[in-house]
Amino acid sequence: MIRKALVLLWLLFPVGVLAFHFNYGQSHMLREAASDDLKRIAELERLPEEERDWEQIIAEYEKLEEKLAATELPDVIDRIKLAKARACLEMLDIGTAITDLTELLQACATRYGDDAPITRGVRETLGKAHYHAALLLQENDLPEKEWRPFADRSRQLFRYLAEHDDPAALNEYEKRVTKEFDRAAKRITGTQN
């Protein structure tokens, strides 16, 4: 009796392996490949600033997004979109970053809620993008009516983040934003630290 059960298990083992391979195995292999891709992109982002190629990094994120779009959960795709928008912001492609982040903010707020970590991350990055836009417009001597809406939107986004996390955290956010803005201003104007 035990011998028959062992023989039956031995004969059914390949069926189980094939079933796993063609069901869960494929998605597992795709996730491992995506993990390798993310590690490679992270290495590209850690290169010294003069060697960093943001266009290549954005292209890699787009390839990864295409590869995972059909099989992965929406939160993974949203995180890839957020990373891609951050890369656009680093490349000073602010128009694309604002457009992508605005769409992503609406999707994340609907999908996860206004106070979910990913929604807060998108909102913070969108605030930085609006500030960069205001700073660039101001640096190019455009009238206040051109850059003021971007500055106001940035302030609104950061105030929302601060007030909805912890009302006492508002001062901390404002300090952090000021520090980030000063860093961005130095980078945009070309002055060194």
N, C-alpha and C. Protein backbone atom coordinates (compact mmCIF):
# COMPACT_ATOMS: atom_id res chain seq x y z
N MET A 1 0.82 -1.19 0.00
CA MET A 1 0.00 0.00 0.00
C MET A 1 0.87 1.26 0.00
N ILE A 2 1.85 1.32 0.88
CA ILE A 2 2.74 2.47 0.95
C ILE A 2 3.57 2.55 -0.32
N ARG A 3 3.97 1.41 -0.82
CA ARG A 3 4.77 1.38 -2.02
C ARG A 3 3.97 1.95 -3.21
N LYS A 4 2.70 1.58 -3.32
CA LYS A 4 1.84 2.10 -4.40
C LYS A 4 1.68 3.62 -4.28
N ALA A 5 1.52 4.09 -3.04
CA ALA A 5 1.35 5.53 -2.83
C ALA A 5 2.63 6.28 -3.24
N LEU A 6 3.79 5.72 -2.88
CA LEU A 6 5.05 6.36 -3.26
C LEU A 6 5.26 6.35 -4.78
N VAL A 7 4.91 5.25 -5.43
CA VAL A 7 5.04 5.19 -6.89
C VAL A 7 4.10 6.20 -7.54
N LEU A 8 2.87 6.30 -7.01
CA LEU A 8 1.90 7.25 -7.55
C LEU A 8 2.40 8.69 -7.37
N LEU A 9 2.95 8.99 -6.20
CA LEU A 9 3.51 10.32 -5.97
C LEU A 9 4.68 10.59 -6.92
N TRP A 10 5.51 9.57 -7.12
CA TRP A 10 6.65 9.72 -8.01
C TRP A 10 6.20 10.00 -9.44
N LEU A 11 5.13 9.34 -9.87
CA LEU A 11 4.62 9.54 -11.22
C LEU A 11 3.90 10.90 -11.37
N LEU A 12 3.29 11.38 -10.30
CA LEU A 12 2.56 12.65 -10.36
C LEU A 12 3.46 13.87 -10.13
N PHE A 13 4.65 13.64 -9.65
CA PHE A 13 5.56 14.75 -9.37
C PHE A 13 5.81 15.64 -10.60
N PRO A 14 6.10 15.08 -11.77
CA PRO A 14 6.31 15.94 -12.95
C PRO A 14 5.07 16.77 -13.31
N VAL A 15 3.90 16.22 -13.07
CA VAL A 15 2.66 16.97 -13.35
C VAL A 15 2.61 18.21 -12.45
N GLY A 16 2.93 18.05 -11.19
CA GLY A 16 2.94 19.18 -10.27
C GLY A 16 3.97 20.24 -10.66
N VAL A 17 5.15 19.77 -11.04
CA VAL A 17 6.21 20.70 -11.45
C VAL A 17 5.78 21.47 -12.69
N LEU A 18 5.21 20.79 -13.68
CA LEU A 18 4.75 21.46 -14.90
C LEU A 18 3.61 22.44 -14.61
N ALA A 19 2.70 22.05 -13.75
CA ALA A 19 1.59 22.95 -13.39
C ALA A 19 2.12 24.21 -12.71
N PHE A 20 3.07 24.04 -11.80
CA PHE A 20 3.66 25.21 -11.14
C PHE A 20 4.39 26.08 -12.14
N HIS A 21 5.18 25.45 -13.01
CA HIS A 21 5.99 26.19 -13.96
C HIS A 21 5.13 27.04 -14.89
N PHE A 22 4.06 26.47 -15.40
CA PHE A 22 3.24 27.20 -16.37
C PHE A 22 2.21 28.11 -15.71
N ASN A 23 2.06 28.06 -14.42
CA ASN A 23 1.15 28.98 -13.73
C ASN A 23 1.95 30.01 -12.95
N TYR A 24 2.39 29.65 -11.77
CA TYR A 24 3.08 30.58 -10.89
C TYR A 24 4.55 30.76 -11.25
N GLY A 25 5.13 29.80 -11.88
CA GLY A 25 6.54 29.86 -12.22
C GLY A 25 6.87 30.99 -13.18
N GLN A 26 6.00 31.22 -14.16
CA GLN A 26 6.24 32.28 -15.14
C GLN A 26 6.25 33.65 -14.48
N SER A 27 5.25 33.90 -13.62
CA SER A 27 5.20 35.21 -12.95
C SER A 27 6.37 35.36 -11.97
N HIS A 28 6.78 34.26 -11.34
CA HIS A 28 7.92 34.32 -10.44
C HIS A 28 9.20 34.66 -11.22
N MET A 29 9.38 34.05 -12.38
CA MET A 29 10.55 34.34 -13.20
C MET A 29 10.54 35.79 -13.68
N LEU A 30 9.35 36.29 -14.03
CA LEU A 30 9.22 37.68 -14.47
C LEU A 30 9.57 38.64 -13.34
N ARG A 31 9.14 38.31 -12.12
CA ARG A 31 9.46 39.16 -10.97
C ARG A 31 10.95 39.15 -10.67
N GLU A 32 11.59 38.00 -10.80
CA GLU A 32 13.03 37.95 -10.58
C GLU A 32 13.78 38.79 -11.61
N ALA A 33 13.34 38.72 -12.87
CA ALA A 33 13.96 39.53 -13.92
C ALA A 33 13.73 41.02 -13.64
N ALA A 34 12.52 41.37 -13.18
CA ALA A 34 12.22 42.76 -12.85
C ALA A 34 13.07 43.23 -11.68
N SER A 35 13.30 42.36 -10.72
CA SER A 35 14.15 42.71 -9.58
C SER A 35 15.57 43.00 -10.05
N ASP A 36 16.07 42.19 -10.96
CA ASP A 36 17.40 42.44 -11.53
C ASP A 36 17.44 43.77 -12.28
N ASP A 37 16.35 44.05 -13.03
CA ASP A 37 16.28 45.33 -13.75
C ASP A 37 16.29 46.51 -12.78
N LEU A 38 15.55 46.40 -11.68
CA LEU A 38 15.52 47.47 -10.69
C LEU A 38 16.89 47.68 -10.06
N LYS A 39 17.61 46.61 -9.81
CA LYS A 39 18.96 46.74 -9.25
C LYS A 39 19.88 47.46 -10.24
N ARG A 40 19.74 47.13 -11.52
CA ARG A 40 20.56 47.77 -12.54
C ARG A 40 20.23 49.27 -12.64
N ILE A 41 18.93 49.60 -12.58
CA ILE A 41 18.52 51.01 -12.63
C ILE A 41 19.04 51.76 -11.40
N ALA A 42 18.97 51.12 -10.25
CA ALA A 42 19.48 51.75 -9.02
C ALA A 42 20.97 52.03 -9.14
N GLU A 43 21.70 51.12 -9.76
CA GLU A 43 23.14 51.35 -9.98
C GLU A 43 23.36 52.55 -10.90
N LEU A 44 22.52 52.69 -11.93
CA LEU A 44 22.63 53.83 -12.83
C LEU A 44 22.34 55.13 -12.09
N GLU A 45 21.39 55.10 -11.17
CA GLU A 45 21.04 56.30 -10.40
C GLU A 45 22.11 56.67 -9.39
N ARG A 46 22.92 55.70 -8.96
CA ARG A 46 23.97 55.97 -7.97
C ARG A 46 25.29 56.40 -8.60
N LEU A 47 25.36 56.42 -9.91
CA LEU A 47 26.59 56.88 -10.56
C LEU A 47 26.85 58.33 -10.18
N PRO A 48 28.10 58.76 -10.24
CA PRO A 48 28.38 60.18 -9.98
C PRO A 48 27.55 61.06 -10.92
N GLU A 49 27.22 62.24 -10.44
CA GLU A 49 26.28 63.10 -11.16
C GLU A 49 26.70 63.37 -12.60
N GLU A 50 27.99 63.55 -12.84
CA GLU A 50 28.44 63.86 -14.20
C GLU A 50 28.34 62.65 -15.14
N GLU A 51 28.27 61.44 -14.59
CA GLU A 51 28.17 60.23 -15.41
C GLU A 51 26.73 59.72 -15.53
N ARG A 52 25.83 60.27 -14.75
CA ARG A 52 24.44 59.81 -14.72
C ARG A 52 23.71 60.22 -16.00
N ASP A 53 23.04 59.27 -16.63
CA ASP A 53 22.28 59.53 -17.86
C ASP A 53 20.80 59.32 -17.55
N TRP A 54 20.10 60.43 -17.26
CA TRP A 54 18.70 60.34 -16.85
C TRP A 54 17.81 59.84 -17.97
N GLU A 55 18.15 60.15 -19.22
CA GLU A 55 17.34 59.65 -20.34
C GLU A 55 17.38 58.12 -20.39
N GLN A 56 18.54 57.55 -20.15
CA GLN A 56 18.66 56.10 -20.13
C GLN A 56 17.88 55.52 -18.95
N ILE A 57 17.94 56.17 -17.81
CA ILE A 57 17.22 55.70 -16.63
C ILE A 57 15.72 55.72 -16.89
N ILE A 58 15.23 56.80 -17.49
CA ILE A 58 13.80 56.89 -17.81
C ILE A 58 13.41 55.80 -18.81
N ALA A 59 14.25 55.57 -19.81
CA ALA A 59 13.97 54.52 -20.79
C ALA A 59 13.91 53.15 -20.12
N GLU A 60 14.81 52.91 -19.16
CA GLU A 60 14.80 51.63 -18.44
C GLU A 60 13.52 51.47 -17.62
N TYR A 61 13.07 52.56 -16.97
CA TYR A 61 11.81 52.50 -16.22
C TYR A 61 10.63 52.23 -17.16
N GLU A 62 10.65 52.83 -18.34
CA GLU A 62 9.56 52.60 -19.30
C GLU A 62 9.54 51.15 -19.76
N LYS A 63 10.71 50.57 -20.03
CA LYS A 63 10.78 49.16 -20.42
C LYS A 63 10.24 48.26 -19.31
N LEU A 64 10.64 48.57 -18.09
CA LEU A 64 10.19 47.78 -16.94
C LEU A 64 8.67 47.89 -16.77
N GLU A 65 8.15 49.09 -16.94
CA GLU A 65 6.70 49.30 -16.82
C GLU A 65 5.96 48.49 -17.89
N GLU A 66 6.45 48.49 -19.13
CA GLU A 66 5.83 47.70 -20.20
C GLU A 66 5.88 46.22 -19.90
N LYS A 67 7.02 45.77 -19.40
CA LYS A 67 7.22 44.35 -19.11
C LYS A 67 6.25 43.86 -18.04
N LEU A 68 5.99 44.69 -17.03
CA LEU A 68 5.18 44.26 -15.90
C LEU A 68 3.71 44.67 -15.98
N ALA A 69 3.35 45.49 -16.95
CA ALA A 69 2.00 46.08 -16.98
C ALA A 69 0.90 45.02 -16.98
N ALA A 70 1.07 43.95 -17.70
CA ALA A 70 0.00 42.96 -17.83
C ALA A 70 -0.12 42.03 -16.63
N THR A 71 0.96 41.83 -15.91
CA THR A 71 0.94 40.79 -14.88
C THR A 71 1.05 41.30 -13.45
N GLU A 72 1.52 42.52 -13.26
CA GLU A 72 1.82 42.98 -11.90
C GLU A 72 0.67 43.78 -11.32
N LEU A 73 0.66 43.87 -10.00
CA LEU A 73 -0.37 44.64 -9.29
C LEU A 73 -0.20 46.13 -9.59
N PRO A 74 -1.30 46.89 -9.53
CA PRO A 74 -1.23 48.33 -9.84
C PRO A 74 -0.27 49.11 -8.95
N ASP A 75 -0.11 48.72 -7.68
CA ASP A 75 0.78 49.50 -6.82
C ASP A 75 2.23 49.41 -7.27
N VAL A 76 2.63 48.28 -7.83
CA VAL A 76 4.00 48.15 -8.34
C VAL A 76 4.19 49.06 -9.55
N ILE A 77 3.22 49.06 -10.45
CA ILE A 77 3.29 49.92 -11.63
C ILE A 77 3.29 51.38 -11.22
N ASP A 78 2.48 51.74 -10.22
CA ASP A 78 2.43 53.12 -9.75
C ASP A 78 3.77 53.55 -9.15
N ARG A 79 4.44 52.65 -8.46
CA ARG A 79 5.74 52.99 -7.89
C ARG A 79 6.79 53.18 -8.99
N ILE A 80 6.69 52.40 -10.05
CA ILE A 80 7.61 52.58 -11.18
C ILE A 80 7.34 53.92 -11.85
N LYS A 81 6.06 54.27 -12.01
CA LYS A 81 5.71 55.57 -12.61
C LYS A 81 6.23 56.72 -11.75
N LEU A 82 6.13 56.58 -10.43
CA LEU A 82 6.64 57.61 -9.53
C LEU A 82 8.15 57.75 -9.67
N ALA A 83 8.86 56.64 -9.73
CA ALA A 83 10.32 56.69 -9.90
C ALA A 83 10.69 57.32 -11.24
N LYS A 84 9.92 57.01 -12.27
CA LYS A 84 10.18 57.60 -13.59
C LYS A 84 9.95 59.11 -13.56
N ALA A 85 8.89 59.55 -12.87
CA ALA A 85 8.61 61.00 -12.77
C ALA A 85 9.71 61.70 -11.98
N ARG A 86 10.23 61.04 -10.94
CA ARG A 86 11.34 61.63 -10.19
C ARG A 86 12.58 61.78 -11.08
N ALA A 87 12.80 60.81 -11.95
CA ALA A 87 13.93 60.91 -12.88
C ALA A 87 13.71 62.06 -13.86
N CYS A 88 12.47 62.25 -14.33
CA CYS A 88 12.16 63.39 -15.21
C CYS A 88 12.45 64.70 -14.49
N LEU A 89 12.11 64.75 -13.22
CA LEU A 89 12.34 65.95 -12.43
C LEU A 89 13.84 66.21 -12.28
N GLU A 90 14.61 65.17 -12.05
CA GLU A 90 16.07 65.32 -11.95
C GLU A 90 16.67 65.81 -13.27
N MET A 91 16.05 65.41 -14.38
CA MET A 91 16.53 65.81 -15.70
C MET A 91 16.02 67.21 -16.07
N LEU A 92 15.21 67.80 -15.18
CA LEU A 92 14.58 69.10 -15.39
C LEU A 92 13.60 69.10 -16.56
N ASP A 93 12.99 67.93 -16.81
CA ASP A 93 11.88 67.83 -17.74
C ASP A 93 10.61 68.02 -16.91
N ILE A 94 10.42 69.25 -16.48
CA ILE A 94 9.41 69.55 -15.47
C ILE A 94 8.00 69.42 -16.03
N GLY A 95 7.79 69.80 -17.28
CA GLY A 95 6.45 69.69 -17.87
C GLY A 95 5.96 68.25 -17.88
N THR A 96 6.82 67.34 -18.31
CA THR A 96 6.46 65.92 -18.32
C THR A 96 6.23 65.42 -16.91
N ALA A 97 7.10 65.82 -15.98
CA ALA A 97 6.96 65.37 -14.59
C ALA A 97 5.64 65.84 -14.00
N ILE A 98 5.27 67.10 -14.22
CA ILE A 98 4.02 67.61 -13.66
C ILE A 98 2.82 66.89 -14.27
N THR A 99 2.83 66.69 -15.57
CA THR A 99 1.72 65.99 -16.23
C THR A 99 1.59 64.56 -15.71
N ASP A 100 2.69 63.82 -15.68
CA ASP A 100 2.66 62.43 -15.21
C ASP A 100 2.26 62.34 -13.74
N LEU A 101 2.80 63.22 -12.92
CA LEU A 101 2.51 63.18 -11.49
C LEU A 101 1.07 63.58 -11.19
N THR A 102 0.52 64.51 -11.94
CA THR A 102 -0.88 64.90 -11.73
C THR A 102 -1.80 63.72 -12.02
N GLU A 103 -1.56 63.02 -13.14
CA GLU A 103 -2.35 61.83 -13.47
C GLU A 103 -2.17 60.74 -12.41
N LEU A 104 -0.93 60.55 -12.00
CA LEU A 104 -0.64 59.51 -11.01
C LEU A 104 -1.25 59.85 -9.66
N LEU A 105 -1.26 61.12 -9.28
CA LEU A 105 -1.87 61.52 -8.02
C LEU A 105 -3.37 61.21 -8.01
N GLN A 106 -4.04 61.52 -9.11
CA GLN A 106 -5.47 61.23 -9.19
C GLN A 106 -5.73 59.73 -9.10
N ALA A 107 -4.93 58.95 -9.81
CA ALA A 107 -5.11 57.50 -9.79
C ALA A 107 -4.82 56.92 -8.41
N CYS A 108 -3.74 57.36 -7.78
CA CYS A 108 -3.37 56.84 -6.46
C CYS A 108 -4.37 57.25 -5.39
N ALA A 109 -4.86 58.49 -5.45
CA ALA A 109 -5.84 58.94 -4.46
C ALA A 109 -7.12 58.12 -4.59
N THR A 110 -7.51 57.80 -5.80
CA THR A 110 -8.72 56.98 -6.02
C THR A 110 -8.49 55.55 -5.57
N ARG A 111 -7.33 54.99 -5.92
CA ARG A 111 -7.05 53.58 -5.67
C ARG A 111 -6.72 53.30 -4.20
N TYR A 112 -5.91 54.15 -3.57
CA TYR A 112 -5.39 53.85 -2.23
C TYR A 112 -5.87 54.80 -1.15
N GLY A 113 -6.40 55.95 -1.52
CA GLY A 113 -6.81 56.94 -0.54
C GLY A 113 -5.79 58.07 -0.47
N ASP A 114 -6.22 59.20 0.10
CA ASP A 114 -5.38 60.40 0.14
C ASP A 114 -4.18 60.29 1.06
N ASP A 115 -4.26 59.45 2.08
CA ASP A 115 -3.17 59.39 3.05
C ASP A 115 -2.31 58.13 2.93
N ALA A 116 -2.45 57.39 1.85
CA ALA A 116 -1.62 56.21 1.63
C ALA A 116 -0.17 56.65 1.36
N PRO A 117 0.80 55.86 1.76
CA PRO A 117 2.20 56.27 1.56
C PRO A 117 2.55 56.62 0.11
N ILE A 118 2.04 55.84 -0.85
CA ILE A 118 2.39 56.14 -2.24
C ILE A 118 1.73 57.44 -2.69
N THR A 119 0.51 57.69 -2.24
CA THR A 119 -0.18 58.94 -2.60
C THR A 119 0.57 60.13 -2.01
N ARG A 120 1.03 59.99 -0.78
CA ARG A 120 1.79 61.06 -0.15
C ARG A 120 3.12 61.29 -0.90
N GLY A 121 3.76 60.21 -1.33
CA GLY A 121 5.00 60.35 -2.09
C GLY A 121 4.79 61.05 -3.42
N VAL A 122 3.70 60.72 -4.09
CA VAL A 122 3.38 61.38 -5.36
C VAL A 122 3.10 62.86 -5.11
N ARG A 123 2.33 63.14 -4.06
CA ARG A 123 1.99 64.54 -3.75
C ARG A 123 3.25 65.35 -3.42
N GLU A 124 4.17 64.76 -2.68
CA GLU A 124 5.41 65.46 -2.33
C GLU A 124 6.25 65.73 -3.58
N THR A 125 6.38 64.74 -4.46
CA THR A 125 7.15 64.91 -5.68
C THR A 125 6.49 65.94 -6.59
N LEU A 126 5.15 65.94 -6.63
CA LEU A 126 4.44 66.94 -7.44
C LEU A 126 4.68 68.34 -6.88
N GLY A 127 4.73 68.47 -5.56
CA GLY A 127 5.04 69.76 -4.96
C GLY A 127 6.43 70.24 -5.36
N LYS A 128 7.39 69.33 -5.38
CA LYS A 128 8.75 69.69 -5.81
C LYS A 128 8.76 70.11 -7.28
N ALA A 129 7.99 69.39 -8.10
CA ALA A 129 7.94 69.73 -9.53
C ALA A 129 7.36 71.13 -9.75
N HIS A 130 6.30 71.44 -9.02
CA HIS A 130 5.71 72.77 -9.15
C HIS A 130 6.69 73.85 -8.67
N TYR A 131 7.41 73.55 -7.63
CA TYR A 131 8.39 74.54 -7.16
C TYR A 131 9.50 74.74 -8.19
N HIS A 132 10.00 73.64 -8.77
CA HIS A 132 11.04 73.77 -9.80
C HIS A 132 10.53 74.59 -10.97
N ALA A 133 9.26 74.38 -11.35
CA ALA A 133 8.69 75.16 -12.46
C ALA A 133 8.66 76.64 -12.10
N ALA A 134 8.21 76.96 -10.89
CA ALA A 134 8.16 78.36 -10.46
C ALA A 134 9.56 78.97 -10.45
N LEU A 135 10.52 78.21 -9.96
CA LEU A 135 11.89 78.71 -9.88
C LEU A 135 12.48 78.96 -11.26
N LEU A 136 12.25 78.03 -12.19
CA LEU A 136 12.77 78.22 -13.55
C LEU A 136 12.14 79.43 -14.22
N LEU A 137 10.83 79.57 -14.06
CA LEU A 137 10.16 80.72 -14.68
C LEU A 137 10.65 82.03 -14.07
N GLN A 138 10.86 82.03 -12.76
CA GLN A 138 11.34 83.22 -12.08
C GLN A 138 12.78 83.54 -12.51
N GLU A 139 13.61 82.52 -12.64
CA GLU A 139 15.01 82.72 -13.06
C GLU A 139 15.10 83.27 -14.48
N ASN A 140 14.10 82.96 -15.30
CA ASN A 140 14.09 83.47 -16.67
C ASN A 140 13.39 84.81 -16.79
N ASP A 141 13.24 85.50 -15.66
CA ASP A 141 12.69 86.85 -15.60
C ASP A 141 11.29 86.98 -16.18
N LEU A 142 10.47 85.94 -16.03
CA LEU A 142 9.08 86.04 -16.46
C LEU A 142 8.29 86.78 -15.39
N PRO A 143 7.20 87.42 -15.75
CA PRO A 143 6.43 88.16 -14.76
C PRO A 143 5.84 87.24 -13.69
N GLU A 144 5.53 87.84 -12.57
CA GLU A 144 5.04 87.06 -11.43
C GLU A 144 3.77 86.28 -11.76
N LYS A 145 2.92 86.82 -12.62
CA LYS A 145 1.67 86.12 -12.96
C LYS A 145 1.95 84.78 -13.67
N GLU A 146 3.15 84.62 -14.23
CA GLU A 146 3.52 83.37 -14.90
C GLU A 146 3.98 82.30 -13.91
N TRP A 147 4.79 82.70 -12.94
CA TRP A 147 5.37 81.70 -12.03
C TRP A 147 4.60 81.55 -10.72
N ARG A 148 3.81 82.54 -10.34
CA ARG A 148 3.10 82.49 -9.06
C ARG A 148 2.16 81.29 -8.92
N PRO A 149 1.39 80.90 -9.97
CA PRO A 149 0.51 79.73 -9.80
C PRO A 149 1.27 78.45 -9.43
N PHE A 150 2.47 78.28 -10.00
CA PHE A 150 3.26 77.10 -9.67
C PHE A 150 3.74 77.14 -8.22
N ALA A 151 4.16 78.31 -7.78
CA ALA A 151 4.61 78.46 -6.39
C ALA A 151 3.46 78.24 -5.42
N ASP A 152 2.29 78.78 -5.76
CA ASP A 152 1.12 78.59 -4.89
C ASP A 152 0.71 77.13 -4.84
N ARG A 153 0.73 76.45 -5.97
CA ARG A 153 0.36 75.03 -5.99
C ARG A 153 1.35 74.21 -5.16
N SER A 154 2.61 74.53 -5.26
CA SER A 154 3.62 73.84 -4.47
C SER A 154 3.36 74.02 -2.98
N ARG A 155 3.07 75.25 -2.60
CA ARG A 155 2.80 75.55 -1.19
C ARG A 155 1.55 74.79 -0.72
N GLN A 156 0.52 74.73 -1.55
CA GLN A 156 -0.71 74.01 -1.19
C GLN A 156 -0.44 72.52 -0.97
N LEU A 157 0.34 71.94 -1.87
CA LEU A 157 0.63 70.51 -1.77
C LEU A 157 1.39 70.18 -0.49
N PHE A 158 2.40 70.98 -0.18
CA PHE A 158 3.19 70.72 1.02
C PHE A 158 2.41 71.02 2.30
N ARG A 159 1.56 72.02 2.26
CA ARG A 159 0.73 72.32 3.43
C ARG A 159 -0.25 71.17 3.67
N TYR A 160 -0.82 70.65 2.59
CA TYR A 160 -1.74 69.51 2.72
C TYR A 160 -1.02 68.33 3.37
N LEU A 161 0.18 68.04 2.88
CA LEU A 161 0.94 66.93 3.45
C LEU A 161 1.21 67.13 4.93
N ALA A 162 1.59 68.33 5.28
CA ALA A 162 1.93 68.61 6.68
C ALA A 162 0.69 68.55 7.57
N GLU A 163 -0.40 69.13 7.14
CA GLU A 163 -1.59 69.19 7.99
C GLU A 163 -2.29 67.85 8.11
N HIS A 164 -2.17 67.01 7.09
CA HIS A 164 -2.86 65.72 7.15
C HIS A 164 -2.02 64.62 7.78
N ASP A 165 -0.78 64.87 7.99
CA ASP A 165 0.05 63.89 8.69
C ASP A 165 -0.05 64.15 10.19
N ASP A 166 0.33 65.33 10.58
CA ASP A 166 0.31 65.73 11.97
C ASP A 166 0.38 67.26 11.98
N PRO A 167 -0.60 67.93 12.53
CA PRO A 167 -0.58 69.40 12.49
C PRO A 167 0.72 69.99 13.04
N ALA A 168 1.36 69.33 13.98
CA ALA A 168 2.61 69.84 14.54
C ALA A 168 3.77 69.68 13.56
N ALA A 169 3.58 68.86 12.54
CA ALA A 169 4.66 68.60 11.59
C ALA A 169 4.77 69.68 10.52
N LEU A 170 3.84 70.64 10.51
CA LEU A 170 3.86 71.67 9.48
C LEU A 170 5.20 72.41 9.45
N ASN A 171 5.71 72.79 10.60
CA ASN A 171 7.00 73.51 10.64
C ASN A 171 8.13 72.66 10.08
N GLU A 172 8.13 71.38 10.41
CA GLU A 172 9.17 70.48 9.91
C GLU A 172 9.12 70.39 8.38
N TYR A 173 7.92 70.28 7.82
CA TYR A 173 7.77 70.23 6.37
C TYR A 173 8.28 71.52 5.73
N GLU A 174 7.93 72.65 6.33
CA GLU A 174 8.35 73.92 5.75
C GLU A 174 9.87 74.05 5.76
N LYS A 175 10.52 73.57 6.82
CA LYS A 175 11.99 73.60 6.86
C LYS A 175 12.57 72.69 5.78
N ARG A 176 11.97 71.50 5.65
CA ARG A 176 12.45 70.55 4.67
C ARG A 176 12.26 71.08 3.25
N VAL A 177 11.10 71.69 3.00
CA VAL A 177 10.82 72.25 1.68
C VAL A 177 11.80 73.38 1.38
N THR A 178 12.04 74.24 2.34
CA THR A 178 12.99 75.33 2.13
C THR A 178 14.37 74.79 1.78
N LYS A 179 14.81 73.76 2.49
CA LYS A 179 16.11 73.16 2.22
C LYS A 179 16.15 72.57 0.81
N GLU A 180 15.08 71.86 0.43
CA GLU A 180 15.00 71.26 -0.90
C GLU A 180 14.99 72.34 -1.98
N PHE A 181 14.25 73.41 -1.73
CA PHE A 181 14.16 74.48 -2.71
C PHE A 181 15.50 75.19 -2.87
N ASP A 182 16.22 75.40 -1.78
CA ASP A 182 17.53 76.03 -1.87
C ASP A 182 18.48 75.16 -2.68
N ARG A 183 18.43 73.85 -2.46
CA ARG A 183 19.26 72.91 -3.23
C ARG A 183 18.91 72.97 -4.70
N ALA A 184 17.61 73.02 -5.00
CA ALA A 184 17.17 73.08 -6.39
C ALA A 184 17.60 74.39 -7.04
N ALA A 185 17.49 75.48 -6.31
CA ALA A 185 17.88 76.79 -6.85
C ALA A 185 19.36 76.80 -7.19
N LYS A 186 20.18 76.23 -6.33
CA LYS A 186 21.62 76.18 -6.59
C LYS A 186 21.91 75.33 -7.81
N ARG A 187 21.18 74.20 -7.96
CA ARG A 187 21.41 73.31 -9.09
C ARG A 187 20.98 73.98 -10.39
N ILE A 188 19.85 74.67 -10.36
CA ILE A 188 19.33 75.29 -11.57
C ILE A 188 20.17 76.48 -11.99
N THR A 189 20.60 77.27 -11.02
CA THR A 189 21.40 78.45 -11.37
C THR A 189 22.86 78.11 -11.61
N GLY A 190 23.26 76.88 -11.29
CA GLY A 190 24.62 76.46 -11.58
C GLY A 190 25.63 76.81 -10.51
N THR A 191 25.18 77.33 -9.37
CA THR A 191 26.12 77.63 -8.28
C THR A 191 26.41 76.37 -7.50
N GLN A 192 27.58 76.31 -6.94
CA GLN A 192 28.01 75.15 -6.16
C GLN A 192 27.72 75.37 -4.70
N ASN A 193 27.65 74.27 -3.92
CA ASN A 193 27.39 74.35 -2.48
C ASN A 193 28.50 75.06 -1.75
